[in-house]
Amino acid sequence: MALIEKGADTKIFNLGGQGHYGPLQFSFLMIGLGIEILLGAIIDDLRIMEDGVPYGAMILICGGAGLFYSHVLESKKRKEEKDETV
């Protein structure tokens, strides 16, 4: 409130806005976690690693891959939108 009363710029609180890409990120994260559960169960059945280790490793790998892929798609879409407006 103090910033508004002084007439200061409140744009510092703008987080950049994820806009309509939040659901895209969430969906790819969930897809990655679903793949993680499947791969973790397969690795656990084959006894390649100790019990419980495949699940933790696959959460990080597949969840990160899902977020990375959503970032790539989001960047591509934003570039296309920017090119269309110019």
Protein backbone atom coordinates (compact mmCIF):
# COMPACT_ATOMS: atom_id res chain seq x y z
CA MET A 1 0.00 0.00 0.00
CA ALA A 2 2.83 2.34 0.84
CA LEU A 3 4.20 2.03 -2.71
CA ILE A 4 0.85 2.95 -4.21
CA GLU A 5 0.45 5.92 -1.86
CA LYS A 6 3.88 7.23 -2.81
CA GLY A 7 3.16 6.68 -6.49
CA ALA A 8 6.04 4.22 -6.91
CA ASP A 9 6.17 1.71 -9.73
CA THR A 10 4.63 -1.63 -8.73
CA LYS A 11 5.92 -3.53 -11.77
CA ILE A 12 8.60 -5.11 -9.57
CA PHE A 13 5.91 -7.46 -8.28
CA ASN A 14 4.98 -8.68 -11.75
CA LEU A 15 6.17 -12.28 -12.03
CA GLY A 16 6.15 -12.21 -15.79
CA GLY A 17 2.87 -14.07 -15.91
CA GLN A 18 2.79 -17.65 -17.06
CA GLY A 19 -0.36 -16.86 -18.95
CA HIS A 20 -1.98 -19.88 -20.50
CA TYR A 21 1.13 -22.08 -20.32
CA GLY A 22 0.68 -23.15 -16.67
CA PRO A 23 -1.57 -26.10 -17.57
CA LEU A 24 0.91 -27.16 -20.25
CA GLN A 25 3.72 -27.32 -17.72
CA PHE A 26 1.54 -29.16 -15.22
CA SER A 27 0.38 -31.71 -17.79
CA PHE A 28 3.91 -32.52 -18.97
CA LEU A 29 5.04 -32.81 -15.36
CA MET A 30 2.23 -35.29 -14.68
CA ILE A 31 3.04 -37.25 -17.85
CA GLY A 32 6.67 -37.41 -16.73
CA LEU A 33 5.65 -38.65 -13.29
CA GLY A 34 3.40 -41.31 -14.83
CA ILE A 35 6.27 -42.55 -16.98
CA GLU A 36 8.44 -42.45 -13.85
CA ILE A 37 6.14 -44.80 -11.97
CA LEU A 38 6.10 -47.24 -14.89
CA LEU A 39 9.89 -47.19 -15.41
CA GLY A 40 10.55 -47.34 -11.67
CA ALA A 41 8.37 -50.44 -11.35
CA ILE A 42 10.11 -52.12 -14.30
CA ILE A 43 13.57 -51.39 -12.92
CA ASP A 44 12.47 -52.49 -9.44
CA ASP A 45 11.10 -55.80 -10.84
CA LEU A 46 14.32 -56.47 -12.72
CA ARG A 47 16.30 -55.86 -9.49
CA ILE A 48 18.80 -53.66 -11.33
CA MET A 49 18.98 -51.25 -8.37
CA GLU A 50 18.25 -51.34 -4.66
CA ASP A 51 14.62 -51.12 -3.54
CA GLY A 52 13.24 -47.60 -3.72
CA VAL A 53 16.17 -46.08 -5.62
CA PRO A 54 14.61 -46.35 -9.10
CA TYR A 55 11.54 -44.37 -8.04
CA GLY A 56 13.53 -41.41 -6.73
CA ALA A 57 15.83 -41.37 -9.72
CA MET A 58 12.98 -41.64 -12.20
CA ILE A 59 11.02 -38.85 -10.47
CA LEU A 60 13.91 -36.47 -11.04
CA ILE A 61 14.72 -37.64 -14.57
CA CYS A 62 11.18 -37.90 -15.99
CA GLY A 63 9.78 -34.91 -14.11
CA GLY A 64 12.70 -32.78 -15.29
CA ALA A 65 12.33 -34.08 -18.83
CA GLY A 66 8.63 -33.21 -18.80
CA LEU A 67 9.32 -29.67 -17.59
CA PHE A 68 12.13 -29.24 -20.12
CA TYR A 69 9.89 -30.38 -22.97
CA SER A 70 7.12 -28.01 -21.87
CA HIS A 71 9.67 -25.18 -21.79
CA VAL A 72 10.77 -25.99 -25.35
CA LEU A 73 7.16 -26.04 -26.59
CA GLU A 74 6.33 -22.86 -24.67
CA SER A 75 9.32 -21.03 -26.14
CA LYS A 76 8.38 -22.17 -29.63
CA LYS A 77 4.76 -21.03 -29.20
CA ARG A 78 5.81 -17.65 -27.80
CA LYS A 79 8.17 -17.12 -30.73
CA GLU A 80 5.37 -17.97 -33.17
CA GLU A 81 3.00 -15.58 -31.39
CA LYS A 82 5.64 -12.84 -31.45
CA ASP A 83 6.28 -13.40 -35.17
CA GLU A 84 2.55 -13.23 -35.91
CA THR A 85 2.16 -9.89 -34.13
CA VAL A 86 5.12 -8.28 -35.89
